[in-house]
Amino acid sequence: MISNNEMIRIRRQMQRRIRDVVAERRRTREQDPTPASPGADQEVCVADNGPG
């Protein structure tokens, strides 16, 4: 079984890795203004045609 201290350490390590990946992706996106795949960062809009 994992102790509480180990769980805290693992959680912090995971958060650090996630933060690093997000920062790296942000840097890459800022360097290359064109998205890697078309529509990757676009919002999806759904038309509302009213009832029925």
C-alpha atoms as a PDB file:
ATOM      1  CA  MET A   1       0.000   0.000   0.000  1.00  0.00           C
ATOM      2  CA  ILE A   2       1.155   3.529  -0.805  1.00  0.00           C
ATOM      3  CA  SER A   3       1.621   5.847   2.143  1.00  0.00           C
ATOM      4  CA  ASN A   4       0.030   9.281   2.293  1.00  0.00           C
ATOM      5  CA  ASN A   5       3.406  10.983   1.795  1.00  0.00           C
ATOM      6  CA  GLU A   6       4.050   8.922  -1.328  1.00  0.00           C
ATOM      7  CA  MET A   7       0.629   9.812  -2.720  1.00  0.00           C
ATOM      8  CA  ILE A   8       1.325  13.512  -2.180  1.00  0.00           C
ATOM      9  CA  ARG A   9       4.750  13.196  -3.825  1.00  0.00           C
ATOM     10  CA  ILE A  10       3.320  11.317  -6.827  1.00  0.00           C
ATOM     11  CA  ARG A  11       0.482  13.810  -7.226  1.00  0.00           C
ATOM     12  CA  ARG A  12       2.891  16.764  -7.162  1.00  0.00           C
ATOM     13  CA  GLN A  13       5.154  15.045  -9.664  1.00  0.00           C
ATOM     14  CA  MET A  14       2.223  14.423 -12.024  1.00  0.00           C
ATOM     15  CA  GLN A  15       1.045  18.035 -11.720  1.00  0.00           C
ATOM     16  CA  ARG A  16       4.574  19.258 -12.460  1.00  0.00           C
ATOM     17  CA  ARG A  17       4.793  17.075 -15.563  1.00  0.00           C
ATOM     18  CA  ILE A  18       1.392  18.241 -16.790  1.00  0.00           C
ATOM     19  CA  ARG A  19       2.381  21.883 -16.221  1.00  0.00           C
ATOM     20  CA  ASP A  20       5.617  21.323 -18.159  1.00  0.00           C
ATOM     21  CA  VAL A  21       3.794  19.728 -21.099  1.00  0.00           C
ATOM     22  CA  VAL A  22       1.198  22.519 -21.206  1.00  0.00           C
ATOM     23  CA  ALA A  23       3.942  25.168 -21.133  1.00  0.00           C
ATOM     24  CA  GLU A  24       5.834  23.402 -23.910  1.00  0.00           C
ATOM     25  CA  ARG A  25       2.707  23.185 -26.084  1.00  0.00           C
ATOM     26  CA  ARG A  26       1.984  26.857 -25.441  1.00  0.00           C
ATOM     27  CA  ARG A  27       5.518  27.807 -26.500  1.00  0.00           C
ATOM     28  CA  THR A  28       5.199  25.691 -29.637  1.00  0.00           C
ATOM     29  CA  ARG A  29       1.852  27.275 -30.476  1.00  0.00           C
ATOM     30  CA  GLU A  30       3.271  30.783 -30.026  1.00  0.00           C
ATOM     31  CA  GLN A  31       6.237  30.005 -32.299  1.00  0.00           C
ATOM     32  CA  ASP A  32       4.043  28.479 -35.038  1.00  0.00           C
ATOM     33  CA  PRO A  33       0.829  30.496 -35.446  1.00  0.00           C
ATOM     34  CA  THR A  34      -0.711  27.943 -37.826  1.00  0.00           C
ATOM     35  CA  PRO A  35      -2.417  25.049 -35.980  1.00  0.00           C
ATOM     36  CA  ALA A  36      -0.917  21.602 -36.533  1.00  0.00           C
ATOM     37  CA  SER A  37      -4.297  20.146 -37.470  1.00  0.00           C
ATOM     38  CA  PRO A  38      -7.057  22.274 -38.998  1.00  0.00           C
ATOM     39  CA  GLY A  39      -9.668  23.254 -36.439  1.00  0.00           C
ATOM     40  CA  ALA A  40      -7.700  21.953 -33.478  1.00  0.00           C
ATOM     41  CA  ASP A  41      -8.255  25.090 -31.411  1.00  0.00           C
ATOM     42  CA  GLN A  42     -11.571  26.192 -32.911  1.00  0.00           C
ATOM     43  CA  GLU A  43     -14.861  26.196 -31.061  1.00  0.00           C
ATOM     44  CA  VAL A  44     -17.575  23.862 -32.249  1.00  0.00           C
ATOM     45  CA  CYS A  45     -20.809  25.750 -32.988  1.00  0.00           C
ATOM     46  CA  VAL A  46     -24.107  23.921 -33.275  1.00  0.00           C
ATOM     47  CA  ALA A  47     -27.024  25.609 -35.071  1.00  0.00           C
ATOM     48  CA  ASP A  48     -30.284  25.902 -33.159  1.00  0.00           C
ATOM     49  CA  ASN A  49     -33.096  25.548 -35.651  1.00  0.00           C
ATOM     50  CA  GLY A  50     -35.856  25.955 -33.091  1.00  0.00           C
ATOM     51  CA  PRO A  51     -38.400  23.387 -31.920  1.00  0.00           C
ATOM     52  CA  GLY A  52     -38.987  20.230 -33.897  1.00  0.00           C
END
